[in-house]
Amino acid sequence: NMGIKSRAMLKFIPNINMDVIERSAGHGGTFGVMKETHDLAVKVGTPTARQIKNKNNKYMASDCPLAGKHLKQLEADTNITNNEALHPIELMAKSYKL
């Protein structure tokens, strides 16, 4: 869940190996947290989480904090074990030790 500008910014990280997954996280604003629609949000996000797992990268980043955290909830599917889903600017700061 990353826009063109974030992708362009992350390419400034030396030796970055970046995979972009262009698929819905399933969160959709409040859709992912409402009791009535949460199960559907998980169903929509699960294929995306599985793609993240197949990429086997160290970090996951999303422009949308809610979408990133929703995918992080599907950790069993993503295999992302760091503490949180990062925003691209947080990943940039981490790479430059800021």
PDB file of N, CA and C in Angstrom:
ATOM      1  N   ASN A   1       0.839  -1.171   0.000  1.00  0.00           N
ATOM      2  CA  ASN A   1       0.000   0.000   0.000  1.00  0.00           C
ATOM      3  C   ASN A   1       0.885   1.235   0.000  1.00  0.00           C
ATOM      4  N   MET A   2       1.484   1.480  -1.146  1.00  0.00           N
ATOM      5  CA  MET A   2       2.439   2.567  -1.206  1.00  0.00           C
ATOM      6  C   MET A   2       2.249   3.344  -2.498  1.00  0.00           C
ATOM      7  N   GLY A   3       2.281   4.660  -2.382  1.00  0.00           N
ATOM      8  CA  GLY A   3       2.130   5.501  -3.554  1.00  0.00           C
ATOM      9  C   GLY A   3       3.428   5.670  -4.329  1.00  0.00           C
ATOM     10  N   ILE A   4       3.309   6.270  -5.486  1.00  0.00           N
ATOM     11  CA  ILE A   4       4.451   6.463  -6.379  1.00  0.00           C
ATOM     12  C   ILE A   4       5.538   7.308  -5.722  1.00  0.00           C
ATOM     13  N   LYS A   5       5.172   8.356  -5.016  1.00  0.00           N
ATOM     14  CA  LYS A   5       6.166   9.237  -4.377  1.00  0.00           C
ATOM     15  C   LYS A   5       6.934   8.496  -3.286  1.00  0.00           C
ATOM     16  N   SER A   6       6.248   7.662  -2.519  1.00  0.00           N
ATOM     17  CA  SER A   6       6.945   6.891  -1.474  1.00  0.00           C
ATOM     18  C   SER A   6       7.920   5.898  -2.089  1.00  0.00           C
ATOM     19  N   ARG A   7       7.506   5.242  -3.150  1.00  0.00           N
ATOM     20  CA  ARG A   7       8.408   4.317  -3.841  1.00  0.00           C
ATOM     21  C   ARG A   7       9.641   5.043  -4.337  1.00  0.00           C
ATOM     22  N   ALA A   8       9.448   6.208  -4.948  1.00  0.00           N
ATOM     23  CA  ALA A   8      10.579   6.980  -5.464  1.00  0.00           C
ATOM     24  C   ALA A   8      11.518   7.385  -4.330  1.00  0.00           C
ATOM     25  N   MET A   9      10.956   7.773  -3.188  1.00  0.00           N
ATOM     26  CA  MET A   9      11.777   8.165  -2.045  1.00  0.00           C
ATOM     27  C   MET A   9      12.591   6.986  -1.512  1.00  0.00           C
ATOM     28  N   LEU A  10      11.940   5.829  -1.389  1.00  0.00           N
ATOM     29  CA  LEU A  10      12.632   4.664  -0.833  1.00  0.00           C
ATOM     30  C   LEU A  10      13.767   4.168  -1.728  1.00  0.00           C
ATOM     31  N   LYS A  11      13.702   4.472  -3.001  1.00  0.00           N
ATOM     32  CA  LYS A  11      14.781   4.063  -3.905  1.00  0.00           C
ATOM     33  C   LYS A  11      16.093   4.774  -3.593  1.00  0.00           C
ATOM     34  N   PHE A  12      16.051   5.835  -2.768  1.00  0.00           N
ATOM     35  CA  PHE A  12      17.272   6.518  -2.354  1.00  0.00           C
ATOM     36  C   PHE A  12      18.023   5.742  -1.269  1.00  0.00           C
ATOM     37  N   ILE A  13      17.419   4.719  -0.704  1.00  0.00           N
ATOM     38  CA  ILE A  13      18.095   3.905   0.303  1.00  0.00           C
ATOM     39  C   ILE A  13      19.123   3.032  -0.422  1.00  0.00           C
ATOM     40  N   PRO A  14      20.397   3.158  -0.036  1.00  0.00           N
ATOM     41  CA  PRO A  14      21.432   2.351  -0.705  1.00  0.00           C
ATOM     42  C   PRO A  14      21.153   0.853  -0.586  1.00  0.00           C
ATOM     43  N   ASN A  15      21.347   0.157  -1.670  1.00  0.00           N
ATOM     44  CA  ASN A  15      21.224  -1.311  -1.724  1.00  0.00           C
ATOM     45  C   ASN A  15      19.855  -1.833  -1.294  1.00  0.00           C
ATOM     46  N   ILE A  16      18.824  -1.063  -1.499  1.00  0.00           N
ATOM     47  CA  ILE A  16      17.482  -1.517  -1.105  1.00  0.00           C
ATOM     48  C   ILE A  16      16.987  -2.596  -2.072  1.00  0.00           C
ATOM     49  N   ASN A  17      16.351  -3.576  -1.505  1.00  0.00           N
ATOM     50  CA  ASN A  17      15.660  -4.600  -2.276  1.00  0.00           C
ATOM     51  C   ASN A  17      14.187  -4.413  -1.937  1.00  0.00           C
ATOM     52  N   MET A  18      13.446  -3.785  -2.851  1.00  0.00           N
ATOM     53  CA  MET A  18      12.067  -3.416  -2.558  1.00  0.00           C
ATOM     54  C   MET A  18      11.113  -4.157  -3.496  1.00  0.00           C
ATOM     55  N   ASP A  19      10.123  -4.766  -2.909  1.00  0.00           N
ATOM     56  CA  ASP A  19       9.046  -5.394  -3.663  1.00  0.00           C
ATOM     57  C   ASP A  19       7.778  -4.603  -3.396  1.00  0.00           C
ATOM     58  N   VAL A  20       7.053  -4.281  -4.436  1.00  0.00           N
ATOM     59  CA  VAL A  20       5.801  -3.553  -4.289  1.00  0.00           C
ATOM     60  C   VAL A  20       4.652  -4.520  -4.577  1.00  0.00           C
ATOM     61  N   ILE A  21       3.730  -4.586  -3.646  1.00  0.00           N
ATOM     62  CA  ILE A  21       2.555  -5.427  -3.803  1.00  0.00           C
ATOM     63  C   ILE A  21       1.375  -4.501  -4.028  1.00  0.00           C
ATOM     64  N   GLU A  22       0.811  -4.561  -5.200  1.00  0.00           N
ATOM     65  CA  GLU A  22      -0.309  -3.687  -5.536  1.00  0.00           C
ATOM     66  C   GLU A  22      -1.619  -4.453  -5.374  1.00  0.00           C
ATOM     67  N   ARG A  23      -2.041  -4.531  -4.131  1.00  0.00           N
ATOM     68  CA  ARG A  23      -3.253  -5.263  -3.806  1.00  0.00           C
ATOM     69  C   ARG A  23      -3.832  -4.668  -2.528  1.00  0.00           C
ATOM     70  N   SER A  24      -5.124  -4.740  -2.363  1.00  0.00           N
ATOM     71  CA  SER A  24      -5.792  -4.143  -1.210  1.00  0.00           C
ATOM     72  C   SER A  24      -5.431  -4.837   0.096  1.00  0.00           C
ATOM     73  N   ALA A  25      -5.271  -4.004   1.133  1.00  0.00           N
ATOM     74  CA  ALA A  25      -5.077  -4.538   2.478  1.00  0.00           C
ATOM     75  C   ALA A  25      -6.408  -4.979   3.073  1.00  0.00           C
ATOM     76  N   GLY A  26      -7.489  -4.483   2.505  1.00  0.00           N
ATOM     77  CA  GLY A  26      -8.814  -4.857   2.989  1.00  0.00           C
ATOM     78  C   GLY A  26      -9.334  -3.973   4.096  1.00  0.00           C
ATOM     79  N   HIS A  27      -8.551  -3.031   4.556  1.00  0.00           N
ATOM     80  CA  HIS A  27      -8.960  -2.237   5.710  1.00  0.00           C
ATOM     81  C   HIS A  27     -10.028  -1.214   5.361  1.00  0.00           C
ATOM     82  N   GLY A  28      -9.784  -0.375   4.377  1.00  0.00           N
ATOM     83  CA  GLY A  28     -10.785   0.583   3.902  1.00  0.00           C
ATOM     84  C   GLY A  28     -11.339   1.519   4.949  1.00  0.00           C
ATOM     85  N   GLY A  29     -10.495   2.252   5.644  1.00  0.00           N
ATOM     86  CA  GLY A  29     -10.969   3.184   6.676  1.00  0.00           C
ATOM     87  C   GLY A  29     -11.546   2.440   7.855  1.00  0.00           C
ATOM     88  N   THR A  30     -12.780   2.746   8.217  1.00  0.00           N
ATOM     89  CA  THR A  30     -13.399   2.082   9.371  1.00  0.00           C
ATOM     90  C   THR A  30     -13.908   0.685   9.028  1.00  0.00           C
ATOM     91  N   PHE A  31     -13.913   0.329   7.761  1.00  0.00           N
ATOM     92  CA  PHE A  31     -14.398  -0.979   7.319  1.00  0.00           C
ATOM     93  C   PHE A  31     -13.698  -2.119   8.066  1.00  0.00           C
ATOM     94  N   GLY A  32     -12.401  -1.969   8.290  1.00  0.00           N
ATOM     95  CA  GLY A  32     -11.633  -3.026   8.938  1.00  0.00           C
ATOM     96  C   GLY A  32     -11.832  -3.142  10.432  1.00  0.00           C
ATOM     97  N   VAL A  33     -12.406  -2.126  11.053  1.00  0.00           N
ATOM     98  CA  VAL A  33     -12.573  -2.174  12.505  1.00  0.00           C
ATOM     99  C   VAL A  33     -14.024  -2.341  12.948  1.00  0.00           C
ATOM    100  N   MET A  34     -14.944  -2.204  12.029  1.00  0.00           N
ATOM    101  CA  MET A  34     -16.355  -2.369  12.380  1.00  0.00           C
ATOM    102  C   MET A  34     -16.667  -3.856  12.555  1.00  0.00           C
ATOM    103  N   LYS A  35     -17.393  -4.176  13.608  1.00  0.00           N
ATOM    104  CA  LYS A  35     -17.733  -5.566  13.913  1.00  0.00           C
ATOM    105  C   LYS A  35     -18.404  -6.253  12.725  1.00  0.00           C
ATOM    106  N   GLU A  36     -19.291  -5.525  12.058  1.00  0.00           N
ATOM    107  CA  GLU A  36     -20.063  -6.110  10.961  1.00  0.00           C
ATOM    108  C   GLU A  36     -19.218  -6.434   9.724  1.00  0.00           C
ATOM    109  N   THR A  37     -18.112  -5.737   9.536  1.00  0.00           N
ATOM    110  CA  THR A  37     -17.325  -5.896   8.303  1.00  0.00           C
ATOM    111  C   THR A  37     -15.897  -6.389   8.536  1.00  0.00           C
ATOM    112  N   HIS A  38     -15.506  -6.562   9.790  1.00  0.00           N
ATOM    113  CA  HIS A  38     -14.121  -6.963  10.088  1.00  0.00           C
ATOM    114  C   HIS A  38     -13.745  -8.294   9.425  1.00  0.00           C
ATOM    115  N   ASP A  39     -14.604  -9.282   9.504  1.00  0.00           N
ATOM    116  CA  ASP A  39     -14.286 -10.590   8.904  1.00  0.00           C
ATOM    117  C   ASP A  39     -14.058 -10.473   7.400  1.00  0.00           C
ATOM    118  N   LEU A  40     -14.851  -9.654   6.732  1.00  0.00           N
ATOM    119  CA  LEU A  40     -14.666  -9.448   5.294  1.00  0.00           C
ATOM    120  C   LEU A  40     -13.343  -8.713   5.030  1.00  0.00           C
ATOM    121  N   ALA A  41     -13.009  -7.743   5.877  1.00  0.00           N
ATOM    122  CA  ALA A  41     -11.739  -7.028   5.733  1.00  0.00           C
ATOM    123  C   ALA A  41     -10.558  -7.991   5.858  1.00  0.00           C
ATOM    124  N   VAL A  42     -10.652  -8.930   6.786  1.00  0.00           N
ATOM    125  CA  VAL A  42      -9.600  -9.945   6.945  1.00  0.00           C
ATOM    126  C   VAL A  42      -9.543 -10.831   5.706  1.00  0.00           C
ATOM    127  N   LYS A  43     -10.698 -11.218   5.195  1.00  0.00           N
ATOM    128  CA  LYS A  43     -10.742 -12.062   4.003  1.00  0.00           C
ATOM    129  C   LYS A  43     -10.100 -11.358   2.806  1.00  0.00           C
ATOM    130  N   VAL A  44     -10.372 -10.065   2.635  1.00  0.00           N
ATOM    131  CA  VAL A  44      -9.798  -9.301   1.525  1.00  0.00           C
ATOM    132  C   VAL A  44      -8.292  -9.103   1.725  1.00  0.00           C
ATOM    133  N   GLY A  45      -7.857  -8.875   2.955  1.00  0.00           N
ATOM    134  CA  GLY A  45      -6.447  -8.622   3.229  1.00  0.00           C
ATOM    135  C   GLY A  45      -5.564  -9.854   3.251  1.00  0.00           C
ATOM    136  N   THR A  46      -6.145 -11.017   3.468  1.00  0.00           N
ATOM    137  CA  THR A  46      -5.343 -12.244   3.586  1.00  0.00           C
ATOM    138  C   THR A  46      -4.502 -12.552   2.343  1.00  0.00           C
ATOM    139  N   PRO A  47      -5.022 -12.435   1.121  1.00  0.00           N
ATOM    140  CA  PRO A  47      -4.161 -12.680  -0.048  1.00  0.00           C
ATOM    141  C   PRO A  47      -2.973 -11.712  -0.120  1.00  0.00           C
ATOM    142  N   THR A  48      -3.181 -10.472   0.303  1.00  0.00           N
ATOM    143  CA  THR A  48      -2.099  -9.493   0.328  1.00  0.00           C
ATOM    144  C   THR A  48      -1.062  -9.908   1.368  1.00  0.00           C
ATOM    145  N   ALA A  49      -1.536 -10.313   2.536  1.00  0.00           N
ATOM    146  CA  ALA A  49      -0.630 -10.768   3.595  1.00  0.00           C
ATOM    147  C   ALA A  49       0.187 -11.974   3.127  1.00  0.00           C
ATOM    148  N   ARG A  50      -0.423 -12.855   2.386  1.00  0.00           N
ATOM    149  CA  ARG A  50       0.306 -14.026   1.881  1.00  0.00           C
ATOM    150  C   ARG A  50       1.377 -13.632   0.870  1.00  0.00           C
ATOM    151  N   GLN A  51       1.068 -12.606   0.048  1.00  0.00           N
ATOM    152  CA  GLN A  51       2.083 -12.124  -0.895  1.00  0.00           C
ATOM    153  C   GLN A  51       3.266 -11.524  -0.146  1.00  0.00           C
ATOM    154  N   ILE A  52       2.973 -10.815   0.938  1.00  0.00           N
ATOM    155  CA  ILE A  52       4.042 -10.250   1.767  1.00  0.00           C
ATOM    156  C   ILE A  52       4.907 -11.381   2.320  1.00  0.00           C
ATOM    157  N   LYS A  53       4.260 -12.424   2.800  1.00  0.00           N
ATOM    158  CA  LYS A  53       5.000 -13.559   3.350  1.00  0.00           C
ATOM    159  C   LYS A  53       5.881 -14.200   2.281  1.00  0.00           C
ATOM    160  N   ASN A  54       5.364 -14.351   1.071  1.00  0.00           N
ATOM    161  CA  ASN A  54       6.136 -14.981  -0.007  1.00  0.00           C
ATOM    162  C   ASN A  54       7.348 -14.151  -0.402  1.00  0.00           C
ATOM    163  N   LYS A  55       7.280 -12.829  -0.250  1.00  0.00           N
ATOM    164  CA  LYS A  55       8.427 -11.968  -0.564  1.00  0.00           C
ATOM    165  C   LYS A  55       9.532 -12.138   0.465  1.00  0.00           C
ATOM    166  N   ASN A  56       9.161 -12.474   1.697  1.00  0.00           N
ATOM    167  CA  ASN A  56      10.101 -12.766   2.778  1.00  0.00           C
ATOM    168  C   ASN A  56      11.074 -11.620   3.045  1.00  0.00           C
ATOM    169  N   ASN A  57      10.583 -10.376   3.012  1.00  0.00           N
ATOM    170  CA  ASN A  57      11.417  -9.221   3.314  1.00  0.00           C
ATOM    171  C   ASN A  57      11.457  -8.965   4.809  1.00  0.00           C
ATOM    172  N   LYS A  58      12.435  -8.197   5.242  1.00  0.00           N
ATOM    173  CA  LYS A  58      12.595  -7.892   6.660  1.00  0.00           C
ATOM    174  C   LYS A  58      11.531  -6.913   7.162  1.00  0.00           C
ATOM    175  N   TYR A  59      11.131  -5.956   6.333  1.00  0.00           N
ATOM    176  CA  TYR A  59      10.182  -4.932   6.739  1.00  0.00           C
ATOM    177  C   TYR A  59       9.007  -4.855   5.781  1.00  0.00           C
ATOM    178  N   MET A  60       7.927  -4.323   6.303  1.00  0.00           N
ATOM    179  CA  MET A  60       6.753  -4.035   5.508  1.00  0.00           C
ATOM    180  C   MET A  60       6.438  -2.560   5.733  1.00  0.00           C
ATOM    181  N   ALA A  61       6.163  -1.827   4.655  1.00  0.00           N
ATOM    182  CA  ALA A  61       5.830  -0.408   4.779  1.00  0.00           C
ATOM    183  C   ALA A  61       4.561  -0.116   4.002  1.00  0.00           C
ATOM    184  N   SER A  62       3.783   0.826   4.528  1.00  0.00           N
ATOM    185  CA  SER A  62       2.547   1.250   3.879  1.00  0.00           C
ATOM    186  C   SER A  62       2.345   2.737   4.114  1.00  0.00           C
ATOM    187  N   ASP A  63       1.904   3.451   3.063  1.00  0.00           N
ATOM    188  CA  ASP A  63       1.552   4.864   3.204  1.00  0.00           C
ATOM    189  C   ASP A  63       0.392   5.044   4.162  1.00  0.00           C
ATOM    190  N   CYS A  64      -0.461   4.072   4.242  1.00  0.00           N
ATOM    191  CA  CYS A  64      -1.652   4.148   5.089  1.00  0.00           C
ATOM    192  C   CYS A  64      -1.387   3.424   6.414  1.00  0.00           C
ATOM    193  N   PRO A  65      -1.296   4.173   7.513  1.00  0.00           N
ATOM    194  CA  PRO A  65      -1.025   3.523   8.800  1.00  0.00           C
ATOM    195  C   PRO A  65      -2.064   2.471   9.171  1.00  0.00           C
ATOM    196  N   LEU A  66      -3.333   2.714   8.846  1.00  0.00           N
ATOM    197  CA  LEU A  66      -4.364   1.730   9.179  1.00  0.00           C
ATOM    198  C   LEU A  66      -4.218   0.455   8.358  1.00  0.00           C
ATOM    199  N   ALA A  67      -3.936   0.596   7.075  1.00  0.00           N
ATOM    200  CA  ALA A  67      -3.762  -0.582   6.222  1.00  0.00           C
ATOM    201  C   ALA A  67      -2.556  -1.388   6.676  1.00  0.00           C
ATOM    202  N   GLY A  68      -1.472  -0.693   7.006  1.00  0.00           N
ATOM    203  CA  GLY A  68      -0.269  -1.390   7.472  1.00  0.00           C
ATOM    204  C   GLY A  68      -0.518  -2.167   8.750  1.00  0.00           C
ATOM    205  N   LYS A  69      -1.218  -1.541   9.681  1.00  0.00           N
ATOM    206  CA  LYS A  69      -1.503  -2.225  10.956  1.00  0.00           C
ATOM    207  C   LYS A  69      -2.484  -3.378  10.754  1.00  0.00           C
ATOM    208  N   HIS A  70      -3.422  -3.211   9.836  1.00  0.00           N
ATOM    209  CA  HIS A  70      -4.359  -4.299   9.523  1.00  0.00           C
ATOM    210  C   HIS A  70      -3.582  -5.503   8.974  1.00  0.00           C
ATOM    211  N   LEU A  71      -2.673  -5.250   8.056  1.00  0.00           N
ATOM    212  CA  LEU A  71      -1.868  -6.357   7.509  1.00  0.00           C
ATOM    213  C   LEU A  71      -0.986  -6.959   8.595  1.00  0.00           C
ATOM    214  N   LYS A  72      -0.495  -6.129   9.500  1.00  0.00           N
ATOM    215  CA  LYS A  72       0.333  -6.626  10.602  1.00  0.00           C
ATOM    216  C   LYS A  72      -0.479  -7.568  11.495  1.00  0.00           C
ATOM    217  N   GLN A  73      -1.783  -7.309  11.622  1.00  0.00           N
ATOM    218  CA  GLN A  73      -2.638  -8.209  12.408  1.00  0.00           C
ATOM    219  C   GLN A  73      -2.671  -9.604  11.802  1.00  0.00           C
ATOM    220  N   LEU A  74      -2.423  -9.672  10.515  1.00  0.00           N
ATOM    221  CA  LEU A  74      -2.421 -10.961   9.827  1.00  0.00           C
ATOM    222  C   LEU A  74      -1.008 -11.545   9.819  1.00  0.00           C
ATOM    223  N   GLU A  75      -0.275 -11.319  10.907  1.00  0.00           N
ATOM    224  CA  GLU A  75       1.140 -11.683  11.002  1.00  0.00           C
ATOM    225  C   GLU A  75       1.412 -13.144  10.671  1.00  0.00           C
ATOM    226  N   ALA A  76       0.511 -14.022  11.045  1.00  0.00           N
ATOM    227  CA  ALA A  76       0.715 -15.442  10.725  1.00  0.00           C
ATOM    228  C   ALA A  76       0.827 -15.632   9.221  1.00  0.00           C
ATOM    229  N   ASP A  77       0.108 -14.792   8.467  1.00  0.00           N
ATOM    230  CA  ASP A  77       0.170 -14.874   7.015  1.00  0.00           C
ATOM    231  C   ASP A  77       1.338 -14.089   6.441  1.00  0.00           C
ATOM    232  N   THR A  78       1.752 -12.976   7.091  1.00  0.00           N
ATOM    233  CA  THR A  78       2.806 -12.133   6.520  1.00  0.00           C
ATOM    234  C   THR A  78       4.197 -12.572   6.908  1.00  0.00           C
ATOM    235  N   ASN A  79       4.360 -13.190   8.072  1.00  0.00           N
ATOM    236  CA  ASN A  79       5.660 -13.591   8.590  1.00  0.00           C
ATOM    237  C   ASN A  79       6.534 -12.376   8.903  1.00  0.00           C
ATOM    238  N   ILE A  80       5.938 -11.212   9.069  1.00  0.00           N
ATOM    239  CA  ILE A  80       6.669 -10.010   9.458  1.00  0.00           C
ATOM    240  C   ILE A  80       6.754 -10.022  10.982  1.00  0.00           C
ATOM    241  N   THR A  81       7.959 -10.038  11.532  1.00  0.00           N
ATOM    242  CA  THR A  81       8.102 -10.180  12.973  1.00  0.00           C
ATOM    243  C   THR A  81       8.610  -8.924  13.659  1.00  0.00           C
ATOM    244  N   ASN A  82       8.925  -7.860  12.904  1.00  0.00           N
ATOM    245  CA  ASN A  82       9.328  -6.626  13.579  1.00  0.00           C
ATOM    246  C   ASN A  82       8.119  -6.040  14.301  1.00  0.00           C
ATOM    247  N   ASN A  83       8.355  -5.090  15.174  1.00  0.00           N
ATOM    248  CA  ASN A  83       7.314  -4.619  16.082  1.00  0.00           C
ATOM    249  C   ASN A  83       6.111  -3.983  15.427  1.00  0.00           C
ATOM    250  N   GLU A  84       6.283  -3.410  14.248  1.00  0.00           N
ATOM    251  CA  GLU A  84       5.162  -2.710  13.653  1.00  0.00           C
ATOM    252  C   GLU A  84       5.308  -2.610  12.151  1.00  0.00           C
ATOM    253  N   ALA A  85       4.205  -2.335  11.512  1.00  0.00           N
ATOM    254  CA  ALA A  85       4.238  -2.001  10.097  1.00  0.00           C
ATOM    255  C   ALA A  85       4.720  -0.561  10.017  1.00  0.00           C
ATOM    256  N   LEU A  86       5.699  -0.306   9.211  1.00  0.00           N
ATOM    257  CA  LEU A  86       6.308   1.019   9.139  1.00  0.00           C
ATOM    258  C   LEU A  86       5.672   1.880   8.064  1.00  0.00           C
ATOM    259  N   HIS A  87       5.691   3.174   8.296  1.00  0.00           N
ATOM    260  CA  HIS A  87       5.358   4.134   7.251  1.00  0.00           C
ATOM    261  C   HIS A  87       6.646   4.300   6.435  1.00  0.00           C
ATOM    262  N   PRO A  88       6.553   4.560   5.136  1.00  0.00           N
ATOM    263  CA  PRO A  88       7.774   4.697   4.327  1.00  0.00           C
ATOM    264  C   PRO A  88       8.780   5.698   4.890  1.00  0.00           C
ATOM    265  N   ILE A  89       8.325   6.788   5.473  1.00  0.00           N
ATOM    266  CA  ILE A  89       9.276   7.765   6.027  1.00  0.00           C
ATOM    267  C   ILE A  89       9.998   7.179   7.242  1.00  0.00           C
ATOM    268  N   GLU A  90       9.325   6.300   8.002  1.00  0.00           N
ATOM    269  CA  GLU A  90       9.981   5.631   9.138  1.00  0.00           C
ATOM    270  C   GLU A  90      11.049   4.668   8.639  1.00  0.00           C
ATOM    271  N   LEU A  91      10.773   3.996   7.546  1.00  0.00           N
ATOM    272  CA  LEU A  91      11.751   3.088   6.959  1.00  0.00           C
ATOM    273  C   LEU A  91      12.957   3.873   6.449  1.00  0.00           C
ATOM    274  N   MET A  92      12.715   5.033   5.844  1.00  0.00           N
ATOM    275  CA  MET A  92      13.793   5.898   5.373  1.00  0.00           C
ATOM    276  C   MET A  92      14.651   6.348   6.558  1.00  0.00           C
ATOM    277  N   ALA A  93      14.020   6.801   7.615  1.00  0.00           N
ATOM    278  CA  ALA A  93      14.745   7.250   8.807  1.00  0.00           C
ATOM    279  C   ALA A  93      15.561   6.108   9.418  1.00  0.00           C
ATOM    280  N   LYS A  94      14.980   4.935   9.487  1.00  0.00           N
ATOM    281  CA  LYS A  94      15.682   3.765  10.040  1.00  0.00           C
ATOM    282  C   LYS A  94      16.913   3.444   9.196  1.00  0.00           C
ATOM    283  N   SER A  95      16.791   3.509   7.890  1.00  0.00           N
ATOM    284  CA  SER A  95      17.912   3.153   7.017  1.00  0.00           C
ATOM    285  C   SER A  95      19.077   4.138   7.134  1.00  0.00           C
ATOM    286  N   TYR A  96      18.756   5.400   7.444  1.00  0.00           N
ATOM    287  CA  TYR A  96      19.798   6.413   7.617  1.00  0.00           C
ATOM    288  C   TYR A  96      20.134   6.665   9.077  1.00  0.00           C
ATOM    289  N   LYS A  97      19.634   5.778   9.956  1.00  0.00           N
ATOM    290  CA  LYS A  97      19.894   5.841  11.398  1.00  0.00           C
ATOM    291  C   LYS A  97      19.554   7.215  11.986  1.00  0.00           C
ATOM    292  N   LEU A  98      18.393   7.722  11.606  1.00  0.00           N
ATOM    293  CA  LEU A  98      17.932   9.032  12.107  1.00  0.00           C
ATOM    294  C   LEU A  98      16.978   8.849  13.275  1.00  0.00           C
TER     295      LEU A  98
END
